C-alpha atoms as a PDB file:
ATOM      1  CA  MET A   1       0.000   0.000   0.000  1.00  0.00           C
ATOM      2  CA  GLY A   2       2.889   2.358   0.763  1.00  0.00           C
ATOM      3  CA  ARG A   3       4.317   1.981  -2.753  1.00  0.00           C
ATOM      4  CA  LEU A   4       0.954   2.767  -4.345  1.00  0.00           C
ATOM      5  CA  ALA A   5       0.658   5.948  -2.285  1.00  0.00           C
ATOM      6  CA  LEU A   6       4.207   6.930  -3.254  1.00  0.00           C
ATOM      7  CA  VAL A   7       3.475   6.371  -6.966  1.00  0.00           C
ATOM      8  CA  LEU A   8       0.247   8.370  -6.744  1.00  0.00           C
ATOM      9  CA  LEU A   9       1.996  11.186  -4.894  1.00  0.00           C
ATOM     10  CA  ALA A  10       4.781  11.262  -7.503  1.00  0.00           C
ATOM     11  CA  GLY A  11       2.183  11.421 -10.293  1.00  0.00           C
ATOM     12  CA  VAL A  12       0.401  14.344  -8.656  1.00  0.00           C
ATOM     13  CA  TRP A  13       3.699  16.166  -8.103  1.00  0.00           C
ATOM     14  CA  LEU A  14       4.835  15.626 -11.725  1.00  0.00           C
ATOM     15  CA  SER A  15       1.537  16.849 -13.158  1.00  0.00           C
ATOM     16  CA  ALA A  16       1.709  19.961 -10.961  1.00  0.00           C
ATOM     17  CA  CYS A  17       5.223  20.718 -12.285  1.00  0.00           C
ATOM     18  CA  GLN A  18       4.156  20.689 -15.934  1.00  0.00           C
ATOM     19  CA  PRO A  19       3.836  24.078 -17.683  1.00  0.00           C
ATOM     20  CA  GLN A  20       0.289  25.357 -17.732  1.00  0.00           C
ATOM     21  CA  GLY A  21      -1.572  26.444 -20.859  1.00  0.00           C
ATOM     22  CA  ASP A  22      -0.390  25.908 -24.409  1.00  0.00           C
ATOM     23  CA  TYR A  23       3.338  25.982 -23.630  1.00  0.00           C
ATOM     24  CA  GLN A  24       5.528  24.592 -26.399  1.00  0.00           C
ATOM     25  CA  PRO A  25       9.290  24.950 -26.712  1.00  0.00           C
ATOM     26  CA  LEU A  26      10.858  26.886 -29.571  1.00  0.00           C
ATOM     27  CA  TRP A  27      12.729  24.380 -31.740  1.00  0.00           C
ATOM     28  CA  VAL A  28      15.885  25.683 -33.413  1.00  0.00           C
ATOM     29  CA  GLN A  29      17.675  23.621 -36.024  1.00  0.00           C
ATOM     30  CA  ILE A  30      21.331  24.546 -36.515  1.00  0.00           C
ATOM     31  CA  ALA A  31      22.505  23.432 -39.969  1.00  0.00           C
ATOM     32  CA  ASN A  32      26.192  23.663 -40.832  1.00  0.00           C
ATOM     33  CA  GLN A  33      26.478  24.214 -44.585  1.00  0.00           C
ATOM     34  CA  SER A  34      29.903  25.835 -44.301  1.00  0.00           C
ATOM     35  CA  SER A  35      33.085  24.194 -45.509  1.00  0.00           C
ATOM     36  CA  GLN A  36      34.459  23.736 -41.994  1.00  0.00           C
ATOM     37  CA  ARG A  37      33.550  22.311 -38.608  1.00  0.00           C
ATOM     38  CA  LEU A  38      31.794  24.637 -36.176  1.00  0.00           C
ATOM     39  CA  ALA A  39      33.747  24.534 -32.930  1.00  0.00           C
ATOM     40  CA  ARG A  40      30.930  26.136 -30.945  1.00  0.00           C
ATOM     41  CA  VAL A  41      27.475  27.641 -31.393  1.00  0.00           C
ATOM     42  CA  GLU A  42      25.961  29.525 -28.459  1.00  0.00           C
ATOM     43  CA  ILE A  43      22.338  30.561 -28.102  1.00  0.00           C
ATOM     44  CA  GLN A  44      21.418  33.068 -25.384  1.00  0.00           C
ATOM     45  CA  HIS A  45      17.997  34.425 -24.551  1.00  0.00           C
ATOM     46  CA  GLY A  46      16.042  35.683 -21.625  1.00  0.00           C
ATOM     47  CA  ASN A  47      12.996  37.493 -20.343  1.00  0.00           C
ATOM     48  CA  ALA A  48      12.104  39.381 -17.190  1.00  0.00           C
ATOM     49  CA  ASN A  49      12.519  36.275 -15.005  1.00  0.00           C
ATOM     50  CA  THR A  50      15.030  33.924 -16.630  1.00  0.00           C
ATOM     51  CA  GLN A  51      18.249  33.779 -18.624  1.00  0.00           C
ATOM     52  CA  GLU A  52      19.265  30.718 -20.654  1.00  0.00           C
ATOM     53  CA  GLN A  53      22.399  29.781 -22.564  1.00  0.00           C
ATOM     54  CA  ILE A  54      22.745  26.676 -24.711  1.00  0.00           C
ATOM     55  CA  THR A  55      26.139  25.679 -26.114  1.00  0.00           C
ATOM     56  CA  LEU A  56      26.380  23.291 -29.058  1.00  0.00           C
ATOM     57  CA  LEU A  57      29.862  21.803 -29.637  1.00  0.00           C
ATOM     58  CA  GLN A  58      31.626  20.306 -32.658  1.00  0.00           C
ATOM     59  CA  LEU A  59      29.117  20.411 -35.509  1.00  0.00           C
ATOM     60  CA  GLU A  60      30.728  18.961 -38.624  1.00  0.00           C
ATOM     61  CA  SER A  61      30.184  20.395 -42.101  1.00  0.00           C
ATOM     62  CA  GLY A  62      26.964  18.993 -43.590  1.00  0.00           C
ATOM     63  CA  GLN A  63      25.461  18.091 -40.211  1.00  0.00           C
ATOM     64  CA  SER A  64      22.581  19.652 -38.304  1.00  0.00           C
ATOM     65  CA  ARG A  65      21.208  19.466 -34.767  1.00  0.00           C
ATOM     66  CA  MET A  66      17.827  20.340 -33.294  1.00  0.00           C
ATOM     67  CA  LEU A  67      17.676  22.239 -30.004  1.00  0.00           C
ATOM     68  CA  ALA A  68      14.699  23.048 -27.777  1.00  0.00           C
ATOM     69  CA  LEU A  69      14.616  26.499 -26.194  1.00  0.00           C
ATOM     70  CA  ASN A  70      12.476  27.560 -23.261  1.00  0.00           C
ATOM     71  CA  HIS A  71      11.539  30.681 -25.218  1.00  0.00           C
ATOM     72  CA  GLN A  72       8.527  32.083 -27.037  1.00  0.00           C
ATOM     73  CA  PRO A  73       8.656  32.248 -30.850  1.00  0.00           C
ATOM     74  CA  GLY A  74       9.118  35.714 -32.298  1.00  0.00           C
ATOM     75  CA  GLN A  75      11.078  37.197 -29.392  1.00  0.00           C
ATOM     76  CA  GLY A  76      14.518  36.618 -30.877  1.00  0.00           C
ATOM     77  CA  PHE A  77      17.730  35.330 -29.378  1.00  0.00           C
ATOM     78  CA  SER A  78      21.464  35.878 -29.640  1.00  0.00           C
ATOM     79  CA  LEU A  79      23.428  33.422 -31.799  1.00  0.00           C
ATOM     80  CA  THR A  80      27.240  33.204 -31.640  1.00  0.00           C
ATOM     81  CA  VAL A  81      29.055  30.977 -34.141  1.00  0.00           C
ATOM     82  CA  VAL A  82      32.732  30.032 -33.780  1.00  0.00           C
ATOM     83  CA  TYR A  83      34.281  28.263 -36.779  1.00  0.00           C
ATOM     84  CA  ALA A  84      37.103  25.715 -36.386  1.00  0.00           C
ATOM     85  CA  ASP A  85      39.652  28.283 -37.630  1.00  0.00           C
ATOM     86  CA  GLY A  86      38.689  30.640 -34.763  1.00  0.00           C
ATOM     87  CA  THR A  87      36.715  33.205 -36.768  1.00  0.00           C
ATOM     88  CA  SER A  88      33.314  34.027 -35.335  1.00  0.00           C
ATOM     89  CA  PHE A  89      30.202  36.130 -35.678  1.00  0.00           C
ATOM     90  CA  GLU A  90      27.323  37.060 -33.410  1.00  0.00           C
ATOM     91  CA  MET A  91      23.861  38.324 -34.299  1.00  0.00           C
ATOM     92  CA  CYS A  92      20.314  38.590 -33.050  1.00  0.00           C
ATOM     93  CA  VAL A  93      18.091  36.099 -34.886  1.00  0.00           C
ATOM     94  CA  GLY A  94      14.554  34.754 -34.729  1.00  0.00           C
ATOM     95  CA  LYS A  95      12.953  38.121 -34.063  1.00  0.00           C
ATOM     96  CA  TYR A  96       9.468  38.414 -35.584  1.00  0.00           C
ATOM     97  CA  ILE A  97       9.467  34.785 -36.792  1.00  0.00           C
ATOM     98  CA  ASP A  98       6.339  33.509 -35.088  1.00  0.00           C
ATOM     99  CA  ALA A  99       6.894  29.820 -35.849  1.00  0.00           C
ATOM    100  CA  PRO A 100       7.494  26.847 -33.527  1.00  0.00           C
ATOM    101  CA  VAL A 101      10.553  25.773 -35.572  1.00  0.00           C
ATOM    102  CA  ILE A 102      13.347  27.987 -36.899  1.00  0.00           C
ATOM    103  CA  THR A 103      16.284  26.814 -39.007  1.00  0.00           C
ATOM    104  CA  GLU A 104      19.557  28.695 -38.826  1.00  0.00           C
ATOM    105  CA  VAL A 105      21.700  27.720 -41.826  1.00  0.00           C
ATOM    106  CA  ILE A 106      25.348  28.594 -41.255  1.00  0.00           C
ATOM    107  CA  THR A 107      27.488  29.036 -44.368  1.00  0.00           C
ATOM    108  CA  ASP A 108      30.980  30.339 -45.138  1.00  0.00           C
ATOM    109  CA  ASP A 109      29.403  33.724 -45.872  1.00  0.00           C
ATOM    110  CA  GLY A 110      27.280  34.011 -42.725  1.00  0.00           C
ATOM    111  CA  LEU A 111      23.737  32.987 -41.903  1.00  0.00           C
ATOM    112  CA  ASP A 112      20.433  32.212 -43.601  1.00  0.00           C
ATOM    113  CA  GLU A 113      17.323  31.976 -41.456  1.00  0.00           C
ATOM    114  CA  ARG A 114      13.935  30.452 -42.199  1.00  0.00           C
ATOM    115  CA  ALA A 115      10.797  29.325 -40.443  1.00  0.00           C
ATOM    116  CA  GLY A 116      10.393  25.551 -40.365  1.00  0.00           C
ATOM    117  CA  ARG A 117      12.925  22.817 -41.042  1.00  0.00           C
END
């Protein structure tokens, strides 16, 4: 009987910890279409109550990765890209794109951004 009560209590606690309403993460696909490995890609964003930083490491040329951000679509975020040769760029992206998925395509010339995959 004690185990059943513990399982029920855990279920109630987990359901209470779930985000309320229509919360969905913002999915960001990072696609490396440059000719070199990306040593690091950093995403930073925040609001009045939180600050989040996600660091993606070692993304080979031709590969992509999908990341989930605890952030509302359309609010934008800071993206820093560091290529294997040490060159880097930083820019604000995702602003005014009110879509649940954003693809950031990184090339040798910079960045291309689009809604969806």
